[in-house]
Amino acid sequence: MKMYLDTSNMVAILRLDEKEYQWEGGREMAEGLHRFIFEKLKENGKDWKDISEITFFSGPGSFTGLRIGASVVNTLAHELKIPLFDHHGKEHEIILPDYGRAANISKPRK
């Protein structure tokens, strides 16, 4: 089963083969993304081991959303020993998010 994941904004998009699902993860993205993916796999009678390759929308987009999504797909691809692609079709060993601009990091208050 091919998996596509886009976490570039507050609504995560997951495709499992030809089926598409959306989830308004918002501030719960880090805590709920694995559960969301697992529930959709189960709805299709599948499990983690049934994922044959992953494509990830690597950006630009939300700094936090892209970091969470990249962490998930990097871990899954590594542990399942499956190919990992960016949304341009280029294969990667590890996906790095493309934020579209430099990070806006504020100075520490102390």
C-alpha atoms as a PDB file:
ATOM      1  CA  MET A   1       0.000   0.000   0.000  1.00  0.00           C
ATOM      2  CA  LYS A   2       1.348   3.419  -0.959  1.00  0.00           C
ATOM      3  CA  MET A   3       1.059   6.154   1.639  1.00  0.00           C
ATOM      4  CA  TYR A   4       1.118   9.921   1.072  1.00  0.00           C
ATOM      5  CA  LEU A   5       1.239  12.389   3.967  1.00  0.00           C
ATOM      6  CA  ASP A   6       0.925  16.178   4.021  1.00  0.00           C
ATOM      7  CA  THR A   7       1.217  17.903   7.401  1.00  0.00           C
ATOM      8  CA  SER A   8       2.062  21.348   6.032  1.00  0.00           C
ATOM      9  CA  ASN A   9      -0.974  22.989   7.640  1.00  0.00           C
ATOM     10  CA  MET A  10      -3.525  22.403  10.418  1.00  0.00           C
ATOM     11  CA  VAL A  11      -5.364  19.776   8.344  1.00  0.00           C
ATOM     12  CA  ALA A  12      -3.285  16.663   7.704  1.00  0.00           C
ATOM     13  CA  ILE A  13      -3.903  14.877   4.414  1.00  0.00           C
ATOM     14  CA  LEU A  14      -3.333  11.137   4.255  1.00  0.00           C
ATOM     15  CA  ARG A  15      -3.680   9.019   1.138  1.00  0.00           C
ATOM     16  CA  LEU A  16      -3.623   5.261   1.303  1.00  0.00           C
ATOM     17  CA  ASP A  17      -3.439   4.075  -2.299  1.00  0.00           C
ATOM     18  CA  GLU A  18      -6.364   5.929  -3.933  1.00  0.00           C
ATOM     19  CA  LYS A  19      -8.304   6.810  -0.761  1.00  0.00           C
ATOM     20  CA  GLU A  20      -7.819  10.252   0.780  1.00  0.00           C
ATOM     21  CA  TYR A  21      -8.483  11.231   4.386  1.00  0.00           C
ATOM     22  CA  GLN A  22      -8.255  14.566   6.169  1.00  0.00           C
ATOM     23  CA  TRP A  23      -7.767  15.222   9.846  1.00  0.00           C
ATOM     24  CA  GLU A  24      -7.837  18.572  11.624  1.00  0.00           C
ATOM     25  CA  GLY A  25      -4.877  17.837  13.866  1.00  0.00           C
ATOM     26  CA  GLY A  26      -4.083  21.424  14.798  1.00  0.00           C
ATOM     27  CA  ARG A  27      -2.276  21.518  18.115  1.00  0.00           C
ATOM     28  CA  GLU A  28      -2.877  17.791  18.595  1.00  0.00           C
ATOM     29  CA  MET A  29      -0.800  16.827  15.529  1.00  0.00           C
ATOM     30  CA  ALA A  30       2.154  15.457  17.500  1.00  0.00           C
ATOM     31  CA  GLU A  31      -0.031  13.418  19.840  1.00  0.00           C
ATOM     32  CA  GLY A  32      -2.590  12.147  17.342  1.00  0.00           C
ATOM     33  CA  LEU A  33      -0.909  11.676  13.965  1.00  0.00           C
ATOM     34  CA  HIS A  34       0.196   8.081  14.544  1.00  0.00           C
ATOM     35  CA  ARG A  35      -3.267   7.180  15.843  1.00  0.00           C
ATOM     36  CA  PHE A  36      -4.925   8.836  12.815  1.00  0.00           C
ATOM     37  CA  ILE A  37      -2.731   6.899  10.374  1.00  0.00           C
ATOM     38  CA  PHE A  38      -3.220   3.633  12.267  1.00  0.00           C
ATOM     39  CA  GLU A  39      -7.025   4.046  12.387  1.00  0.00           C
ATOM     40  CA  LYS A  40      -7.160   4.638   8.625  1.00  0.00           C
ATOM     41  CA  LEU A  41      -4.948   1.624   7.976  1.00  0.00           C
ATOM     42  CA  LYS A  42      -7.291  -0.503  10.106  1.00  0.00           C
ATOM     43  CA  GLU A  43     -10.346   0.843   8.225  1.00  0.00           C
ATOM     44  CA  ASN A  44      -8.721  -0.575   5.097  1.00  0.00           C
ATOM     45  CA  GLY A  45      -7.912  -3.915   6.719  1.00  0.00           C
ATOM     46  CA  LYS A  46      -4.206  -3.088   6.774  1.00  0.00           C
ATOM     47  CA  ASP A  47      -1.414  -2.690   9.296  1.00  0.00           C
ATOM     48  CA  TRP A  48       1.878  -0.773   9.419  1.00  0.00           C
ATOM     49  CA  LYS A  49       3.710  -3.617   7.661  1.00  0.00           C
ATOM     50  CA  ASP A  50       1.398  -3.263   4.635  1.00  0.00           C
ATOM     51  CA  ILE A  51       2.839   0.160   3.735  1.00  0.00           C
ATOM     52  CA  SER A  52       5.156  -0.386   0.746  1.00  0.00           C
ATOM     53  CA  GLU A  53       6.358   3.189   0.178  1.00  0.00           C
ATOM     54  CA  ILE A  54       5.805   6.687   1.541  1.00  0.00           C
ATOM     55  CA  THR A  55       5.562  10.050  -0.196  1.00  0.00           C
ATOM     56  CA  PHE A  56       5.745  13.145   1.988  1.00  0.00           C
ATOM     57  CA  PHE A  57       4.825  16.730   1.111  1.00  0.00           C
ATOM     58  CA  SER A  58       8.016  18.310   2.435  1.00  0.00           C
ATOM     59  CA  GLY A  59       6.935  21.925   2.143  1.00  0.00           C
ATOM     60  CA  PRO A  60       6.698  24.808   2.219  1.00  0.00           C
ATOM     61  CA  GLY A  61       4.283  25.095   5.083  1.00  0.00           C
ATOM     62  CA  SER A  62       3.905  25.112   8.839  1.00  0.00           C
ATOM     63  CA  PHE A  63       7.236  24.801  10.652  1.00  0.00           C
ATOM     64  CA  THR A  64       5.834  22.568  13.386  1.00  0.00           C
ATOM     65  CA  GLY A  65       3.555  20.542  11.115  1.00  0.00           C
ATOM     66  CA  LEU A  66       6.352  19.771   8.666  1.00  0.00           C
ATOM     67  CA  ARG A  67       8.741  18.788  11.471  1.00  0.00           C
ATOM     68  CA  ILE A  68       6.161  16.433  12.976  1.00  0.00           C
ATOM     69  CA  GLY A  69       5.298  14.880   9.623  1.00  0.00           C
ATOM     70  CA  ALA A  70       8.954  14.481   8.628  1.00  0.00           C
ATOM     71  CA  SER A  71       9.693  12.759  11.933  1.00  0.00           C
ATOM     72  CA  VAL A  72       6.836  10.324  11.401  1.00  0.00           C
ATOM     73  CA  VAL A  73       7.656   9.419   7.782  1.00  0.00           C
ATOM     74  CA  ASN A  74      11.399   9.198   8.441  1.00  0.00           C
ATOM     75  CA  THR A  75      10.795   6.813  11.330  1.00  0.00           C
ATOM     76  CA  LEU A  76       8.251   4.691   9.465  1.00  0.00           C
ATOM     77  CA  ALA A  77      10.398   4.386   6.329  1.00  0.00           C
ATOM     78  CA  HIS A  78      13.469   3.484   8.379  1.00  0.00           C
ATOM     79  CA  GLU A  79      11.736   0.928  10.593  1.00  0.00           C
ATOM     80  CA  LEU A  80       9.702  -0.647   7.768  1.00  0.00           C
ATOM     81  CA  LYS A  81      12.712  -0.530   5.401  1.00  0.00           C
ATOM     82  CA  ILE A  82      10.644   1.006   2.596  1.00  0.00           C
ATOM     83  CA  PRO A  83      11.313   3.777   0.057  1.00  0.00           C
ATOM     84  CA  LEU A  84      10.666   7.396   1.066  1.00  0.00           C
ATOM     85  CA  PHE A  85       9.933  10.075  -1.541  1.00  0.00           C
ATOM     86  CA  ASP A  86       9.313  13.803  -1.477  1.00  0.00           C
ATOM     87  CA  HIS A  87       6.322  15.229  -3.362  1.00  0.00           C
ATOM     88  CA  HIS A  88       8.563  15.822  -6.407  1.00  0.00           C
ATOM     89  CA  GLY A  89       9.208  12.080  -6.678  1.00  0.00           C
ATOM     90  CA  LYS A  90      12.810  12.203  -5.469  1.00  0.00           C
ATOM     91  CA  GLU A  91      13.795   9.341  -3.176  1.00  0.00           C
ATOM     92  CA  HIS A  92      15.430  10.197   0.158  1.00  0.00           C
ATOM     93  CA  GLU A  93      17.010   8.265   2.972  1.00  0.00           C
ATOM     94  CA  ILE A  94      15.844  11.063   5.303  1.00  0.00           C
ATOM     95  CA  ILE A  95      13.384  13.833   4.395  1.00  0.00           C
ATOM     96  CA  LEU A  96      14.203  17.343   5.558  1.00  0.00           C
ATOM     97  CA  PRO A  97      11.334  19.848   5.640  1.00  0.00           C
ATOM     98  CA  ASP A  98      11.371  22.793   3.236  1.00  0.00           C
ATOM     99  CA  TYR A  99       9.906  25.681   5.212  1.00  0.00           C
ATOM    100  CA  GLY A 100       9.932  28.048   2.232  1.00  0.00           C
ATOM    101  CA  ARG A 101      11.856  30.703   4.164  1.00  0.00           C
ATOM    102  CA  ALA A 102      14.223  31.099   7.064  1.00  0.00           C
ATOM    103  CA  ALA A 103      12.804  30.304  10.490  1.00  0.00           C
ATOM    104  CA  ASN A 104      11.602  33.326  12.492  1.00  0.00           C
ATOM    105  CA  ILE A 105      13.180  32.593  15.854  1.00  0.00           C
ATOM    106  CA  SER A 106      12.647  35.144  18.593  1.00  0.00           C
ATOM    107  CA  LYS A 107      15.381  36.105  21.032  1.00  0.00           C
ATOM    108  CA  PRO A 108      15.308  34.470  24.462  1.00  0.00           C
ATOM    109  CA  ARG A 109      13.647  36.604  27.161  1.00  0.00           C
ATOM    110  CA  LYS A 110      16.486  36.138  29.655  1.00  0.00           C
END
